[in-house]
Amino acid sequence: MGDDAAGLLRSVKLRGSCTSAFYLICADNVVGCILGAGVFFHLIPIIRENGGGDVNIALALTLPMGVTEAAASLCIGRLIDKQFPPRFILGFTNLLQMTITLLFPYVSTTPRAVAMGITRGLYQG
């Protein structure tokens, strides 16, 4: 790295920019990712335990989740480009994560699995 690049890196240091709000958002993301990973890795056993033996998980849950995640990523990117306040997007995704965590034990039919897939896709997007 040349002297000009090193000088530029030193001039753009983010001193004092890590506020308590930054750490709160980081902690929220860590907890949300832990909960999300726990739910995602236990999808099939939880649905089977709840009597969802006839639910085709790949079709009813993961397909809507993937399609919705792709669409949500494009829409949220567009909102951010239009200067939509990110705190509303974070609040919305946190509300979705809470909904997923609270309602997931009740997924036992195909329509509920599709609804859960769409909700999870919105959260991940």
Protein backbone atom coordinates (compact mmCIF):
# COMPACT_ATOMS: atom_id res chain seq x y z
CA MET A 1 0.00 0.00 0.00
CA GLY A 2 1.40 3.37 -0.98
CA ASP A 3 1.82 6.39 1.25
CA ASP A 4 -1.17 8.14 -0.37
CA ALA A 5 -3.49 5.21 0.36
CA ALA A 6 -2.24 4.88 3.94
CA GLY A 7 -2.76 8.61 4.50
CA LEU A 8 -6.27 8.34 3.07
CA LEU A 9 -7.10 5.44 5.38
CA ARG A 10 -5.84 7.40 8.38
CA SER A 11 -7.93 10.42 7.39
CA VAL A 12 -11.17 8.43 7.21
CA LYS A 13 -10.98 6.76 10.60
CA LEU A 14 -14.33 6.61 12.30
CA ARG A 15 -13.34 7.95 15.69
CA GLY A 16 -16.21 8.25 18.10
CA SER A 17 -18.78 6.96 15.62
CA CYS A 18 -19.50 3.79 17.58
CA THR A 19 -22.29 5.09 19.77
CA SER A 20 -24.56 3.19 22.12
CA ALA A 21 -27.16 2.95 19.33
CA PHE A 22 -24.56 1.22 17.13
CA TYR A 23 -23.82 -1.37 19.81
CA LEU A 24 -27.53 -1.87 20.49
CA ILE A 25 -28.19 -2.58 16.81
CA CYS A 26 -25.21 -4.96 16.70
CA ALA A 27 -26.48 -6.83 19.76
CA ASP A 28 -29.96 -6.99 18.24
CA ASN A 29 -28.56 -8.44 15.02
CA VAL A 30 -26.56 -11.06 16.92
CA VAL A 31 -29.59 -12.20 18.93
CA GLY A 32 -31.80 -12.16 15.83
CA CYS A 33 -29.30 -14.25 13.87
CA ILE A 34 -29.00 -16.77 16.69
CA LEU A 35 -32.79 -17.13 16.91
CA GLY A 36 -33.12 -17.26 13.13
CA ALA A 37 -30.47 -19.94 12.79
CA GLY A 38 -32.08 -22.01 15.53
CA VAL A 39 -35.47 -21.83 13.83
CA PHE A 40 -34.06 -22.51 10.37
CA PHE A 41 -32.01 -25.56 11.38
CA HIS A 42 -34.96 -27.11 13.18
CA LEU A 43 -37.70 -26.43 10.62
CA ILE A 44 -38.50 -30.00 9.69
CA PRO A 45 -38.44 -31.55 13.20
CA ILE A 46 -40.64 -28.80 14.64
CA ILE A 47 -43.22 -29.09 11.87
CA ARG A 48 -43.23 -32.90 12.17
CA GLU A 49 -43.70 -32.67 15.97
CA ASN A 50 -46.68 -30.36 15.48
CA GLY A 51 -48.49 -32.92 13.35
CA GLY A 52 -47.40 -31.55 10.01
CA GLY A 53 -46.50 -34.94 8.58
CA ASP A 54 -48.36 -34.26 5.35
CA VAL A 55 -46.64 -30.90 4.73
CA ASN A 56 -44.15 -30.91 1.86
CA ILE A 57 -41.59 -28.67 3.56
CA ALA A 58 -39.45 -28.01 0.49
CA LEU A 59 -42.42 -26.84 -1.54
CA ALA A 60 -44.55 -25.18 1.13
CA LEU A 61 -41.87 -23.41 3.18
CA THR A 62 -38.54 -22.96 1.44
CA LEU A 63 -39.82 -22.11 -2.06
CA PRO A 64 -41.98 -19.16 -0.89
CA MET A 65 -39.17 -18.14 1.45
CA GLY A 66 -36.61 -17.95 -1.37
CA VAL A 67 -38.89 -16.11 -3.79
CA THR A 68 -40.00 -13.61 -1.14
CA GLU A 69 -36.42 -13.09 0.04
CA ALA A 70 -35.28 -12.20 -3.49
CA ALA A 71 -38.19 -9.78 -4.01
CA ALA A 72 -37.76 -8.22 -0.55
CA SER A 73 -34.03 -7.67 -1.14
CA LEU A 74 -34.79 -5.72 -4.31
CA CYS A 75 -37.56 -3.69 -2.68
CA ILE A 76 -35.57 -2.87 0.46
CA GLY A 77 -32.56 -1.90 -1.65
CA ARG A 78 -34.79 0.45 -3.62
CA LEU A 79 -36.16 1.96 -0.40
CA ILE A 80 -32.65 2.57 0.90
CA ASP A 81 -31.67 4.18 -2.42
CA LYS A 82 -34.67 6.50 -2.05
CA GLN A 83 -33.36 7.62 1.38
CA PHE A 84 -36.00 5.71 3.38
CA PRO A 85 -34.93 5.81 7.06
CA PRO A 86 -33.14 2.53 7.88
CA ARG A 87 -34.51 2.51 11.44
CA PHE A 88 -37.97 1.72 10.05
CA ILE A 89 -36.59 -1.16 8.00
CA LEU A 90 -34.75 -2.50 11.07
CA GLY A 91 -37.89 -2.14 13.18
CA PHE A 92 -39.99 -3.95 10.56
CA THR A 93 -37.53 -6.83 10.25
CA ASN A 94 -37.32 -7.14 14.05
CA LEU A 95 -41.11 -7.30 14.21
CA LEU A 96 -41.06 -10.07 11.59
CA GLN A 97 -38.41 -12.00 13.54
CA MET A 98 -40.52 -11.76 16.68
CA THR A 99 -43.58 -12.97 14.74
CA ILE A 100 -41.64 -15.91 13.31
CA THR A 101 -40.29 -16.92 16.70
CA LEU A 102 -43.69 -16.73 18.42
CA LEU A 103 -45.80 -18.38 15.72
CA PHE A 104 -43.47 -21.05 14.42
CA PRO A 105 -44.63 -23.74 16.89
CA TYR A 106 -48.12 -23.47 15.34
CA VAL A 107 -47.03 -24.38 11.79
CA SER A 108 -48.64 -27.73 11.09
CA THR A 109 -50.56 -27.27 7.84
CA THR A 110 -49.50 -26.34 4.32
CA PRO A 111 -51.12 -22.85 4.27
CA ARG A 112 -49.43 -22.00 7.57
CA ALA A 113 -46.11 -23.25 6.23
CA VAL A 114 -46.50 -21.06 3.12
CA ALA A 115 -47.36 -18.05 5.30
CA MET A 116 -44.34 -18.76 7.49
CA GLY A 117 -42.12 -19.06 4.42
CA ILE A 118 -43.31 -15.70 3.11
CA THR A 119 -42.79 -14.06 6.53
CA ARG A 120 -39.32 -15.55 6.87
CA GLY A 121 -38.45 -14.46 3.33
CA LEU A 122 -39.48 -10.89 4.15
CA TYR A 123 -37.34 -10.99 7.28
CA GLN A 124 -34.28 -12.33 5.49
CA GLY A 125 -34.66 -10.02 2.51
